[in-house]
Amino acid sequence: MKIAVLNGPNLNLLGTREPNIYGRTALADIERSVGVRAAEHGVAVTWSQTNHEGEFVEMIQGLAGKVDGALINAAAFTHTSLAIRDTLLAVEIPFVEVHLSNIFAREEKRRQSLLADLAVGVVAGFGPQSYLLGLDALIAYLVDRGG
């Protein structure tokens, strides 16, 4: 089984960016913990991050036929990008939307996700654990469907 993890804008700044909201864990640390958990399940994981919407779209397009599912933290693109939504519709890859913060407890403009209704599920508000919870849920989903 292969799972891609896609990360959007400013997640490369984790650990120093607004630690009161996002915590002090760096993205590289989250990547390591996800890699360990994935290995425990015999799952191969790829990891990407971009600050550019068009590149995010291209990353999603590149998943078609190459992975069984994805964890997606589109960050601010979650609330704004019809292009990313349309690409997810086009590639039809099962994904779990993950967020470090509880987007539904944030300011109004961050409470709407343009991706959530396309996702297998959404995990938000558990800090770095959101990725691990999302990974476990996605693996279970794929196994249940013969993935």
C-alpha atoms as a PDB file:
ATOM      1  CA  MET A   1       0.000   0.000   0.000  1.00  0.00           C
ATOM      2  CA  LYS A   2       1.229   3.491  -0.871  1.00  0.00           C
ATOM      3  CA  ILE A   3       0.033   6.727   0.716  1.00  0.00           C
ATOM      4  CA  ALA A   4       1.061  10.264  -0.180  1.00  0.00           C
ATOM      5  CA  VAL A   5       1.134  13.066   2.371  1.00  0.00           C
ATOM      6  CA  LEU A   6       0.619  16.506   0.834  1.00  0.00           C
ATOM      7  CA  ASN A   7       1.201  19.689   2.802  1.00  0.00           C
ATOM      8  CA  GLY A   8       0.268  23.217   1.810  1.00  0.00           C
ATOM      9  CA  PRO A   9       1.487  26.729   2.489  1.00  0.00           C
ATOM     10  CA  ASN A  10       3.520  27.697   5.533  1.00  0.00           C
ATOM     11  CA  LEU A  11       3.646  24.191   6.956  1.00  0.00           C
ATOM     12  CA  ASN A  12       7.398  24.319   6.343  1.00  0.00           C
ATOM     13  CA  LEU A  13       7.423  26.912   9.161  1.00  0.00           C
ATOM     14  CA  LEU A  14       5.942  24.576  11.772  1.00  0.00           C
ATOM     15  CA  GLY A  15       7.761  24.700  15.064  1.00  0.00           C
ATOM     16  CA  THR A  16       8.223  28.457  14.908  1.00  0.00           C
ATOM     17  CA  ARG A  17       5.037  29.722  13.215  1.00  0.00           C
ATOM     18  CA  GLU A  18       2.339  30.746  15.695  1.00  0.00           C
ATOM     19  CA  PRO A  19       3.194  28.022  18.216  1.00  0.00           C
ATOM     20  CA  ASN A  20       0.161  28.942  20.315  1.00  0.00           C
ATOM     21  CA  ILE A  21      -1.987  27.650  17.428  1.00  0.00           C
ATOM     22  CA  TYR A  22       0.201  25.084  15.661  1.00  0.00           C
ATOM     23  CA  GLY A  23       2.532  23.918  18.424  1.00  0.00           C
ATOM     24  CA  ARG A  24       6.302  23.610  18.417  1.00  0.00           C
ATOM     25  CA  THR A  25       6.669  20.404  16.434  1.00  0.00           C
ATOM     26  CA  ALA A  26       8.476  20.843  13.110  1.00  0.00           C
ATOM     27  CA  LEU A  27       7.119  19.321   9.907  1.00  0.00           C
ATOM     28  CA  ALA A  28      10.204  17.090   9.699  1.00  0.00           C
ATOM     29  CA  ASP A  29       9.318  15.634  13.114  1.00  0.00           C
ATOM     30  CA  ILE A  30       5.765  14.910  11.969  1.00  0.00           C
ATOM     31  CA  GLU A  31       7.156  13.296   8.830  1.00  0.00           C
ATOM     32  CA  ARG A  32       9.365  11.015  10.937  1.00  0.00           C
ATOM     33  CA  SER A  33       6.511   9.931  13.216  1.00  0.00           C
ATOM     34  CA  VAL A  34       4.222   9.278  10.242  1.00  0.00           C
ATOM     35  CA  GLY A  35       6.995   7.272   8.578  1.00  0.00           C
ATOM     36  CA  VAL A  36       7.447   5.115  11.672  1.00  0.00           C
ATOM     37  CA  ARG A  37       3.699   4.481  11.979  1.00  0.00           C
ATOM     38  CA  ALA A  38       3.375   3.712   8.276  1.00  0.00           C
ATOM     39  CA  ALA A  39       6.283   1.249   8.450  1.00  0.00           C
ATOM     40  CA  GLU A  40       4.560  -0.535  11.344  1.00  0.00           C
ATOM     41  CA  HIS A  41       1.657  -1.148   8.948  1.00  0.00           C
ATOM     42  CA  GLY A  42       3.885  -2.054   5.998  1.00  0.00           C
ATOM     43  CA  VAL A  43       2.804   1.097   4.169  1.00  0.00           C
ATOM     44  CA  ALA A  44       5.068   3.180   1.938  1.00  0.00           C
ATOM     45  CA  VAL A  45       4.682   6.934   2.407  1.00  0.00           C
ATOM     46  CA  THR A  46       5.758   9.825   0.211  1.00  0.00           C
ATOM     47  CA  TRP A  47       5.912  13.344   1.591  1.00  0.00           C
ATOM     48  CA  SER A  48       5.530  16.717  -0.159  1.00  0.00           C
ATOM     49  CA  GLN A  49       5.099  20.360   0.832  1.00  0.00           C
ATOM     50  CA  THR A  50       4.577  23.466  -1.258  1.00  0.00           C
ATOM     51  CA  ASN A  51       3.637  27.079  -0.759  1.00  0.00           C
ATOM     52  CA  HIS A  52       2.289  27.359  -4.317  1.00  0.00           C
ATOM     53  CA  GLU A  53      -1.271  26.475  -5.337  1.00  0.00           C
ATOM     54  CA  GLY A  54      -0.402  25.408  -8.891  1.00  0.00           C
ATOM     55  CA  GLU A  55       2.319  23.117  -7.599  1.00  0.00           C
ATOM     56  CA  PHE A  56      -0.151  21.617  -5.109  1.00  0.00           C
ATOM     57  CA  VAL A  57      -2.527  20.910  -8.019  1.00  0.00           C
ATOM     58  CA  GLU A  58       0.313  19.249  -9.938  1.00  0.00           C
ATOM     59  CA  MET A  59       1.252  17.160  -6.898  1.00  0.00           C
ATOM     60  CA  ILE A  60      -2.321  15.837  -6.723  1.00  0.00           C
ATOM     61  CA  GLN A  61      -2.411  15.162 -10.468  1.00  0.00           C
ATOM     62  CA  GLY A  62       0.825  13.205 -10.118  1.00  0.00           C
ATOM     63  CA  LEU A  63      -0.765  10.807  -7.634  1.00  0.00           C
ATOM     64  CA  ALA A  64      -3.130   9.218 -10.157  1.00  0.00           C
ATOM     65  CA  GLY A  65      -2.302   5.543 -10.534  1.00  0.00           C
ATOM     66  CA  LYS A  66       0.663   5.797  -8.158  1.00  0.00           C
ATOM     67  CA  VAL A  67      -0.849   5.751  -4.660  1.00  0.00           C
ATOM     68  CA  ASP A  68      -3.766   4.109  -2.904  1.00  0.00           C
ATOM     69  CA  GLY A  69      -4.691   7.180  -0.879  1.00  0.00           C
ATOM     70  CA  ALA A  70      -3.485  10.460   0.566  1.00  0.00           C
ATOM     71  CA  LEU A  71      -3.346  12.544   3.699  1.00  0.00           C
ATOM     72  CA  ILE A  72      -3.898  16.152   2.717  1.00  0.00           C
ATOM     73  CA  ASN A  73      -3.243  19.228   4.803  1.00  0.00           C
ATOM     74  CA  ALA A  74      -3.981  21.937   2.267  1.00  0.00           C
ATOM     75  CA  ALA A  75      -3.582  24.571   5.011  1.00  0.00           C
ATOM     76  CA  ALA A  76      -4.986  27.931   3.858  1.00  0.00           C
ATOM     77  CA  PHE A  77      -5.830  26.453   0.436  1.00  0.00           C
ATOM     78  CA  THR A  78      -8.486  24.410   2.260  1.00  0.00           C
ATOM     79  CA  HIS A  79     -10.678  27.479   2.485  1.00  0.00           C
ATOM     80  CA  THR A  80      -9.963  29.093  -0.871  1.00  0.00           C
ATOM     81  CA  SER A  81      -8.945  26.750  -3.668  1.00  0.00           C
ATOM     82  CA  LEU A  82     -11.509  25.566  -6.166  1.00  0.00           C
ATOM     83  CA  ALA A  83      -8.573  24.422  -8.306  1.00  0.00           C
ATOM     84  CA  ILE A  84      -7.476  21.933  -5.641  1.00  0.00           C
ATOM     85  CA  ARG A  85     -11.063  20.796  -5.127  1.00  0.00           C
ATOM     86  CA  ASP A  86     -11.517  20.245  -8.859  1.00  0.00           C
ATOM     87  CA  THR A  87      -8.252  18.299  -9.063  1.00  0.00           C
ATOM     88  CA  LEU A  88      -9.279  16.027  -6.199  1.00  0.00           C
ATOM     89  CA  LEU A  89     -12.559  15.380  -8.011  1.00  0.00           C
ATOM     90  CA  ALA A  90     -10.660  14.563 -11.196  1.00  0.00           C
ATOM     91  CA  VAL A  91      -8.132  12.101  -9.750  1.00  0.00           C
ATOM     92  CA  GLU A  92     -10.608  10.253  -7.488  1.00  0.00           C
ATOM     93  CA  ILE A  93      -8.037   9.209  -4.886  1.00  0.00           C
ATOM     94  CA  PRO A  94      -9.362   8.507  -1.382  1.00  0.00           C
ATOM     95  CA  PHE A  95      -7.959  11.044   1.059  1.00  0.00           C
ATOM     96  CA  VAL A  96      -8.231  12.183   4.646  1.00  0.00           C
ATOM     97  CA  GLU A  97      -8.121  15.924   5.257  1.00  0.00           C
ATOM     98  CA  VAL A  98      -5.902  16.724   8.239  1.00  0.00           C
ATOM     99  CA  HIS A  99      -5.311  19.920  10.190  1.00  0.00           C
ATOM    100  CA  LEU A 100      -3.184  20.602  13.235  1.00  0.00           C
ATOM    101  CA  SER A 101      -5.638  23.144  14.630  1.00  0.00           C
ATOM    102  CA  ASN A 102      -9.390  22.751  14.983  1.00  0.00           C
ATOM    103  CA  ILE A 103     -10.401  24.806  11.952  1.00  0.00           C
ATOM    104  CA  PHE A 104     -14.005  24.782  13.142  1.00  0.00           C
ATOM    105  CA  ALA A 105     -13.016  26.684  16.300  1.00  0.00           C
ATOM    106  CA  ARG A 106     -11.011  29.289  14.385  1.00  0.00           C
ATOM    107  CA  GLU A 107     -12.094  32.555  12.801  1.00  0.00           C
ATOM    108  CA  GLU A 108     -15.126  32.378  10.521  1.00  0.00           C
ATOM    109  CA  LYS A 109     -13.240  32.360   7.211  1.00  0.00           C
ATOM    110  CA  ARG A 110     -11.258  29.278   8.308  1.00  0.00           C
ATOM    111  CA  ARG A 111     -14.315  27.259   9.317  1.00  0.00           C
ATOM    112  CA  GLN A 112     -15.290  26.304   5.777  1.00  0.00           C
ATOM    113  CA  SER A 113     -13.430  23.560   3.972  1.00  0.00           C
ATOM    114  CA  LEU A 114     -13.831  23.279   0.223  1.00  0.00           C
ATOM    115  CA  LEU A 115     -12.420  19.755   0.452  1.00  0.00           C
ATOM    116  CA  ALA A 116     -14.153  18.085   3.403  1.00  0.00           C
ATOM    117  CA  ASP A 117     -17.160  16.769   1.512  1.00  0.00           C
ATOM    118  CA  LEU A 118     -14.820  15.005  -0.934  1.00  0.00           C
ATOM    119  CA  ALA A 119     -12.704  13.428   1.804  1.00  0.00           C
ATOM    120  CA  VAL A 120     -13.087  10.017   3.394  1.00  0.00           C
ATOM    121  CA  GLY A 121     -12.945  11.984   6.655  1.00  0.00           C
ATOM    122  CA  VAL A 122     -11.472  14.990   8.410  1.00  0.00           C
ATOM    123  CA  VAL A 123      -9.139  14.990  11.415  1.00  0.00           C
ATOM    124  CA  ALA A 124      -8.541  18.398  12.973  1.00  0.00           C
ATOM    125  CA  GLY A 125      -7.414  19.881  16.238  1.00  0.00           C
ATOM    126  CA  PHE A 126      -5.073  17.216  17.582  1.00  0.00           C
ATOM    127  CA  GLY A 127      -1.808  18.882  16.632  1.00  0.00           C
ATOM    128  CA  PRO A 128       0.759  16.485  15.157  1.00  0.00           C
ATOM    129  CA  GLN A 129      -1.448  13.569  16.247  1.00  0.00           C
ATOM    130  CA  SER A 130      -3.900  14.629  13.526  1.00  0.00           C
ATOM    131  CA  TYR A 131      -1.531  13.119  10.962  1.00  0.00           C
ATOM    132  CA  LEU A 132      -1.206   9.828  12.849  1.00  0.00           C
ATOM    133  CA  LEU A 133      -4.949   9.583  13.430  1.00  0.00           C
ATOM    134  CA  GLY A 134      -5.571  10.383   9.783  1.00  0.00           C
ATOM    135  CA  LEU A 135      -3.036   7.786   8.666  1.00  0.00           C
ATOM    136  CA  ASP A 136      -4.579   5.077  10.851  1.00  0.00           C
ATOM    137  CA  ALA A 137      -8.060   5.930   9.589  1.00  0.00           C
ATOM    138  CA  LEU A 138      -6.988   5.977   5.945  1.00  0.00           C
ATOM    139  CA  ILE A 139      -5.192   2.639   6.247  1.00  0.00           C
ATOM    140  CA  ALA A 140      -8.282   1.087   7.858  1.00  0.00           C
ATOM    141  CA  TYR A 141     -10.486   2.556   5.127  1.00  0.00           C
ATOM    142  CA  LEU A 142      -8.255   1.189   2.363  1.00  0.00           C
ATOM    143  CA  VAL A 143      -7.942  -2.245   3.991  1.00  0.00           C
ATOM    144  CA  ASP A 144     -11.730  -2.448   4.369  1.00  0.00           C
ATOM    145  CA  ARG A 145     -12.009  -1.808   0.642  1.00  0.00           C
ATOM    146  CA  GLY A 146      -9.387  -4.361  -0.301  1.00  0.00           C
ATOM    147  CA  GLY A 147      -6.553  -1.830  -0.736  1.00  0.00           C
END
